[in-house]
């Protein structure tokens, strides 16, 4: 059984790794993000993601076209 220090170190290391992964995800283009979803075969509806992107596009366009 691991001692308490080792457990805390592993927990901290995992959190750092997750933060690094989040940073990587945040830097992806939409196209790269969609490719990763497809490659990992995640159960995400690409049509739904496309709808969200289109909706965001329209909102931002309306704001900027004023």
PDB file of N, CA and C in Angstrom:
ATOM      1  N   UNK A   1       0.839  -1.187   0.000  1.00  0.00           N
ATOM      2  CA  UNK A   1       0.000   0.000   0.000  1.00  0.00           C
ATOM      3  C   UNK A   1       0.882   1.247   0.000  1.00  0.00           C
ATOM      4  N   UNK A   2       0.476   2.222  -0.764  1.00  0.00           N
ATOM      5  CA  UNK A   2       1.250   3.451  -0.857  1.00  0.00           C
ATOM      6  C   UNK A   2       1.123   4.266   0.417  1.00  0.00           C
ATOM      7  N   UNK A   3       2.201   4.946   0.742  1.00  0.00           N
ATOM      8  CA  UNK A   3       2.106   5.834   1.894  1.00  0.00           C
ATOM      9  C   UNK A   3       1.371   7.114   1.503  1.00  0.00           C
ATOM     10  N   UNK A   4       1.028   7.909   2.473  1.00  0.00           N
ATOM     11  CA  UNK A   4       0.228   9.118   2.235  1.00  0.00           C
ATOM     12  C   UNK A   4       0.949  10.107   1.321  1.00  0.00           C
ATOM     13  N   UNK A   5       2.253  10.278   1.504  1.00  0.00           N
ATOM     14  CA  UNK A   5       3.014  11.205   0.668  1.00  0.00           C
ATOM     15  C   UNK A   5       2.942  10.780  -0.789  1.00  0.00           C
ATOM     16  N   UNK A   6       3.128   9.501  -1.051  1.00  0.00           N
ATOM     17  CA  UNK A   6       3.086   8.991  -2.422  1.00  0.00           C
ATOM     18  C   UNK A   6       1.712   9.194  -3.026  1.00  0.00           C
ATOM     19  N   UNK A   7       0.672   8.962  -2.274  1.00  0.00           N
ATOM     20  CA  UNK A   7      -0.693   9.164  -2.769  1.00  0.00           C
ATOM     21  C   UNK A   7      -0.919  10.629  -3.132  1.00  0.00           C
ATOM     22  N   UNK A   8      -0.459  11.526  -2.289  1.00  0.00           N
ATOM     23  CA  UNK A   8      -0.612  12.960  -2.572  1.00  0.00           C
ATOM     24  C   UNK A   8       0.199  13.373  -3.791  1.00  0.00           C
ATOM     25  N   UNK A   9       1.398  12.806  -3.928  1.00  0.00           N
ATOM     26  CA  UNK A   9       2.237  13.122  -5.078  1.00  0.00           C
ATOM     27  C   UNK A   9       1.577  12.657  -6.374  1.00  0.00           C
ATOM     28  N   UNK A  10       1.030  11.457  -6.365  1.00  0.00           N
ATOM     29  CA  UNK A  10       0.349  10.930  -7.548  1.00  0.00           C
ATOM     30  C   UNK A  10      -0.871  11.785  -7.867  1.00  0.00           C
ATOM     31  N   UNK A  11      -1.620  12.167  -6.858  1.00  0.00           N
ATOM     32  CA  UNK A  11      -2.795  13.020  -7.056  1.00  0.00           C
ATOM     33  C   UNK A  11      -2.380  14.360  -7.670  1.00  0.00           C
ATOM     34  N   UNK A  12      -1.333  14.966  -7.141  1.00  0.00           N
ATOM     35  CA  UNK A  12      -0.834  16.240  -7.665  1.00  0.00           C
ATOM     36  C   UNK A  12      -0.355  16.077  -9.106  1.00  0.00           C
ATOM     37  N   UNK A  13       0.404  15.028  -9.369  1.00  0.00           N
ATOM     38  CA  UNK A  13       0.914  14.773 -10.720  1.00  0.00           C
ATOM     39  C   UNK A  13      -0.220  14.609 -11.720  1.00  0.00           C
ATOM     40  N   UNK A  14      -1.262  13.920 -11.325  1.00  0.00           N
ATOM     41  CA  UNK A  14      -2.419  13.732 -12.199  1.00  0.00           C
ATOM     42  C   UNK A  14      -3.116  15.056 -12.489  1.00  0.00           C
ATOM     43  N   UNK A  15      -3.219  15.906 -11.492  1.00  0.00           N
ATOM     44  CA  UNK A  15      -3.840  17.217 -11.693  1.00  0.00           C
ATOM     45  C   UNK A  15      -3.014  18.073 -12.647  1.00  0.00           C
ATOM     46  N   UNK A  16      -1.706  18.042 -12.496  1.00  0.00           N
ATOM     47  CA  UNK A  16      -0.830  18.799 -13.394  1.00  0.00           C
ATOM     48  C   UNK A  16      -0.982  18.284 -14.821  1.00  0.00           C
ATOM     49  N   UNK A  17      -1.012  16.971 -14.993  1.00  0.00           N
ATOM     50  CA  UNK A  17      -1.185  16.382 -16.311  1.00  0.00           C
ATOM     51  C   UNK A  17      -2.517  16.812 -16.926  1.00  0.00           C
ATOM     52  N   UNK A  18      -3.588  16.795 -16.136  1.00  0.00           N
ATOM     53  CA  UNK A  18      -4.897  17.219 -16.631  1.00  0.00           C
ATOM     54  C   UNK A  18      -4.881  18.689 -17.033  1.00  0.00           C
ATOM     55  N   UNK A  19      -4.237  19.529 -16.256  1.00  0.00           N
ATOM     56  CA  UNK A  19      -4.143  20.952 -16.608  1.00  0.00           C
ATOM     57  C   UNK A  19      -3.385  21.137 -17.922  1.00  0.00           C
ATOM     58  N   UNK A  20      -2.340  20.359 -18.123  1.00  0.00           N
ATOM     59  CA  UNK A  20      -1.580  20.435 -19.372  1.00  0.00           C
ATOM     60  C   UNK A  20      -2.430  19.989 -20.558  1.00  0.00           C
ATOM     61  N   UNK A  21      -3.232  18.962 -20.366  1.00  0.00           N
ATOM     62  CA  UNK A  21      -4.111  18.484 -21.428  1.00  0.00           C
ATOM     63  C   UNK A  21      -5.157  19.539 -21.757  1.00  0.00           C
ATOM     64  N   UNK A  22      -5.719  20.177 -20.731  1.00  0.00           N
ATOM     65  CA  UNK A  22      -6.698  21.244 -20.951  1.00  0.00           C
ATOM     66  C   UNK A  22      -6.066  22.384 -21.749  1.00  0.00           C
ATOM     67  N   UNK A  23      -4.846  22.762 -21.411  1.00  0.00           N
ATOM     68  CA  UNK A  23      -4.142  23.808 -22.164  1.00  0.00           C
ATOM     69  C   UNK A  23      -3.993  23.406 -23.624  1.00  0.00           C
ATOM     70  N   UNK A  24      -3.659  22.138 -23.853  1.00  0.00           N
ATOM     71  CA  UNK A  24      -3.510  21.641 -25.222  1.00  0.00           C
ATOM     72  C   UNK A  24      -4.841  21.702 -25.975  1.00  0.00           C
ATOM     73  N   UNK A  25      -5.915  21.282 -25.319  1.00  0.00           N
ATOM     74  CA  UNK A  25      -7.240  21.307 -25.950  1.00  0.00           C
ATOM     75  C   UNK A  25      -7.642  22.737 -26.281  1.00  0.00           C
ATOM     76  N   UNK A  26      -7.387  23.658 -25.365  1.00  0.00           N
ATOM     77  CA  UNK A  26      -7.766  25.051 -25.584  1.00  0.00           C
ATOM     78  C   UNK A  26      -7.023  25.678 -26.753  1.00  0.00           C
ATOM     79  N   UNK A  27      -5.862  25.151 -27.099  1.00  0.00           N
ATOM     80  CA  UNK A  27      -5.088  25.727 -28.194  1.00  0.00           C
ATOM     81  C   UNK A  27      -5.441  25.123 -29.557  1.00  0.00           C
ATOM     82  N   UNK A  28      -6.318  24.131 -29.592  1.00  0.00           N
ATOM     83  CA  UNK A  28      -6.693  23.479 -30.849  1.00  0.00           C
ATOM     84  C   UNK A  28      -7.585  24.375 -31.695  1.00  0.00           C
ATOM     85  N   UNK A  29      -7.455  24.246 -32.994  1.00  0.00           N
ATOM     86  CA  UNK A  29      -8.429  24.861 -33.880  1.00  0.00           C
ATOM     87  C   UNK A  29      -9.705  24.021 -33.830  1.00  0.00           C
ATOM     88  N   UNK A  30     -10.797  24.578 -34.294  1.00  0.00           N
ATOM     89  CA  UNK A  30     -12.057  23.830 -34.326  1.00  0.00           C
ATOM     90  C   UNK A  30     -11.902  22.587 -35.186  1.00  0.00           C
ATOM     91  N   UNK A  31     -11.231  22.733 -36.311  1.00  0.00           N
ATOM     92  CA  UNK A  31     -11.018  21.600 -37.219  1.00  0.00           C
ATOM     93  C   UNK A  31     -10.223  20.490 -36.518  1.00  0.00           C
ATOM     94  N   UNK A  32      -9.136  20.855 -35.846  1.00  0.00           N
ATOM     95  CA  UNK A  32      -8.334  19.858 -35.129  1.00  0.00           C
ATOM     96  C   UNK A  32      -9.135  19.203 -34.008  1.00  0.00           C
ATOM     97  N   UNK A  33      -9.947  20.002 -33.327  1.00  0.00           N
ATOM     98  CA  UNK A  33     -10.796  19.479 -32.263  1.00  0.00           C
ATOM     99  C   UNK A  33     -11.769  18.425 -32.816  1.00  0.00           C
ATOM    100  N   UNK A  34     -12.406  18.744 -33.928  1.00  0.00           N
ATOM    101  CA  UNK A  34     -13.337  17.797 -34.545  1.00  0.00           C
ATOM    102  C   UNK A  34     -12.619  16.533 -35.003  1.00  0.00           C
ATOM    103  N   UNK A  35     -11.415  16.675 -35.535  1.00  0.00           N
ATOM    104  CA  UNK A  35     -10.637  15.503 -35.950  1.00  0.00           C
ATOM    105  C   UNK A  35     -10.328  14.591 -34.769  1.00  0.00           C
ATOM    106  N   UNK A  36      -9.954  15.187 -33.649  1.00  0.00           N
ATOM    107  CA  UNK A  36      -9.656  14.372 -32.460  1.00  0.00           C
ATOM    108  C   UNK A  36     -10.904  13.638 -31.995  1.00  0.00           C
ATOM    109  N   UNK A  37     -12.040  14.325 -31.998  1.00  0.00           N
ATOM    110  CA  UNK A  37     -13.280  13.655 -31.610  1.00  0.00           C
ATOM    111  C   UNK A  37     -13.555  12.467 -32.516  1.00  0.00           C
ATOM    112  N   UNK A  38     -13.354  12.649 -33.806  1.00  0.00           N
ATOM    113  CA  UNK A  38     -13.571  11.559 -34.759  1.00  0.00           C
ATOM    114  C   UNK A  38     -12.574  10.425 -34.536  1.00  0.00           C
ATOM    115  N   UNK A  39     -11.300  10.764 -34.374  1.00  0.00           N
ATOM    116  CA  UNK A  39     -10.253   9.751 -34.223  1.00  0.00           C
ATOM    117  C   UNK A  39     -10.397   8.945 -32.943  1.00  0.00           C
ATOM    118  N   UNK A  40     -10.864   9.572 -31.888  1.00  0.00           N
ATOM    119  CA  UNK A  40     -11.029   8.873 -30.604  1.00  0.00           C
ATOM    120  C   UNK A  40     -12.373   8.165 -30.526  1.00  0.00           C
ATOM    121  N   UNK A  41     -13.162   8.344 -31.576  1.00  0.00           N
ATOM    122  CA  UNK A  41     -14.485   7.716 -31.669  1.00  0.00           C
ATOM    123  C   UNK A  41     -15.358   8.035 -30.447  1.00  0.00           C
ATOM    124  N   UNK A  42     -15.297   9.308 -30.050  1.00  0.00           N
ATOM    125  CA  UNK A  42     -16.132   9.768 -28.944  1.00  0.00           C
ATOM    126  C   UNK A  42     -17.564   9.919 -29.429  1.00  0.00           C
ATOM    127  N   UNK A  43     -18.474   9.656 -28.547  1.00  0.00           N
ATOM    128  CA  UNK A  43     -19.888   9.697 -28.910  1.00  0.00           C
ATOM    129  C   UNK A  43     -20.388  11.138 -28.880  1.00  0.00           C
ATOM    130  N   UNK A  44     -19.910  11.905 -29.842  1.00  0.00           N
ATOM    131  CA  UNK A  44     -20.311  13.304 -29.971  1.00  0.00           C
ATOM    132  C   UNK A  44     -20.913  13.458 -31.352  1.00  0.00           C
ATOM    133  N   UNK A  45     -22.044  14.069 -31.393  1.00  0.00           N
ATOM    134  CA  UNK A  45     -22.701  14.292 -32.663  1.00  0.00           C
ATOM    135  C   UNK A  45     -22.024  15.450 -33.379  1.00  0.00           C
ATOM    136  N   UNK A  46     -21.353  15.159 -34.475  1.00  0.00           N
ATOM    137  CA  UNK A  46     -20.666  16.200 -35.237  1.00  0.00           C
ATOM    138  C   UNK A  46     -21.668  17.236 -35.722  1.00  0.00           C
ATOM    139  N   UNK A  47     -22.860  16.790 -36.085  1.00  0.00           N
ATOM    140  CA  UNK A  47     -23.892  17.734 -36.521  1.00  0.00           C
ATOM    141  C   UNK A  47     -24.230  18.727 -35.418  1.00  0.00           C
ATOM    142  N   UNK A  48     -24.267  18.249 -34.187  1.00  0.00           N
ATOM    143  CA  UNK A  48     -24.568  19.137 -33.054  1.00  0.00           C
ATOM    144  C   UNK A  48     -23.435  20.135 -32.850  1.00  0.00           C
ATOM    145  N   UNK A  49     -22.226  19.679 -32.946  1.00  0.00           N
ATOM    146  CA  UNK A  49     -21.081  20.575 -32.817  1.00  0.00           C
ATOM    147  C   UNK A  49     -21.090  21.611 -33.941  1.00  0.00           C
ATOM    148  N   UNK A  50     -21.367  21.176 -35.145  1.00  0.00           N
ATOM    149  CA  UNK A  50     -21.470  22.116 -36.276  1.00  0.00           C
ATOM    150  C   UNK A  50     -22.572  23.141 -36.041  1.00  0.00           C
ATOM    151  N   UNK A  51     -23.696  22.717 -35.485  1.00  0.00           N
ATOM    152  CA  UNK A  51     -24.802  23.631 -35.185  1.00  0.00           C
ATOM    153  C   UNK A  51     -24.366  24.685 -34.173  1.00  0.00           C
ATOM    154  N   UNK A  52     -23.647  24.253 -33.144  1.00  0.00           N
ATOM    155  CA  UNK A  52     -23.173  25.180 -32.114  1.00  0.00           C
ATOM    156  C   UNK A  52     -22.202  26.190 -32.722  1.00  0.00           C
ATOM    157  N   UNK A  53     -21.302  25.716 -33.568  1.00  0.00           N
ATOM    158  CA  UNK A  53     -20.341  26.615 -34.212  1.00  0.00           C
ATOM    159  C   UNK A  53     -21.060  27.614 -35.112  1.00  0.00           C
ATOM    160  N   UNK A  54     -22.040  27.135 -35.871  1.00  0.00           N
ATOM    161  CA  UNK A  54     -22.816  28.049 -36.722  1.00  0.00           C
ATOM    162  C   UNK A  54     -23.566  29.088 -35.900  1.00  0.00           C
ATOM    163  N   UNK A  55     -24.127  28.654 -34.784  1.00  0.00           N
ATOM    164  CA  UNK A  55     -24.850  29.590 -33.911  1.00  0.00           C
ATOM    165  C   UNK A  55     -23.897  30.643 -33.356  1.00  0.00           C
ATOM    166  N   UNK A  56     -22.709  30.211 -32.926  1.00  0.00           N
ATOM    167  CA  UNK A  56     -21.711  31.155 -32.432  1.00  0.00           C
ATOM    168  C   UNK A  56     -21.279  32.109 -33.537  1.00  0.00           C
ATOM    169  N   UNK A  57     -21.078  31.594 -34.724  1.00  0.00           N
ATOM    170  CA  UNK A  57     -20.719  32.428 -35.865  1.00  0.00           C
ATOM    171  C   UNK A  57     -21.753  33.518 -36.081  1.00  0.00           C
ATOM    172  N   UNK A  58     -23.020  33.150 -36.062  1.00  0.00           N
ATOM    173  CA  UNK A  58     -24.086  34.126 -36.281  1.00  0.00           C
ATOM    174  C   UNK A  58     -24.145  35.177 -35.181  1.00  0.00           C
ATOM    175  N   UNK A  59     -23.971  34.759 -33.944  1.00  0.00           N
ATOM    176  CA  UNK A  59     -23.992  35.704 -32.822  1.00  0.00           C
ATOM    177  C   UNK A  59     -22.831  36.693 -32.942  1.00  0.00           C
ATOM    178  N   UNK A  60     -21.630  36.174 -33.198  1.00  0.00           N
ATOM    179  CA  UNK A  60     -20.472  37.051 -33.317  1.00  0.00           C
ATOM    180  C   UNK A  60     -20.584  37.968 -34.535  1.00  0.00           C
ATOM    181  N   UNK A  61     -21.114  37.446 -35.620  1.00  0.00           N
ATOM    182  CA  UNK A  61     -21.315  38.270 -36.816  1.00  0.00           C
ATOM    183  C   UNK A  61     -22.261  39.420 -36.520  1.00  0.00           C
ATOM    184  N   UNK A  62     -23.379  39.123 -35.865  1.00  0.00           N
ATOM    185  CA  UNK A  62     -24.343  40.164 -35.527  1.00  0.00           C
ATOM    186  C   UNK A  62     -23.729  41.233 -34.646  1.00  0.00           C
ATOM    187  N   UNK A  63     -22.918  40.813 -33.689  1.00  0.00           N
ATOM    188  CA  UNK A  63     -22.266  41.789 -32.801  1.00  0.00           C
ATOM    189  C   UNK A  63     -21.302  42.679 -33.564  1.00  0.00           C
ATOM    190  N   UNK A  64     -20.557  42.108 -34.471  1.00  0.00           N
ATOM    191  CA  UNK A  64     -19.502  42.840 -35.171  1.00  0.00           C
ATOM    192  C   UNK A  64     -20.004  43.618 -36.367  1.00  0.00           C
ATOM    193  N   UNK A  65     -21.152  43.258 -36.895  1.00  0.00           N
ATOM    194  CA  UNK A  65     -21.681  43.927 -38.077  1.00  0.00           C
ATOM    195  C   UNK A  65     -22.422  45.222 -37.733  1.00  0.00           C
ATOM    196  N   UNK A  66     -22.593  45.479 -36.476  1.00  0.00           N
ATOM    197  CA  UNK A  66     -23.327  46.697 -36.050  1.00  0.00           C
ATOM    198  C   UNK A  66     -22.517  47.936 -36.261  1.00  0.00           C
TER     199      UNK A  66
END
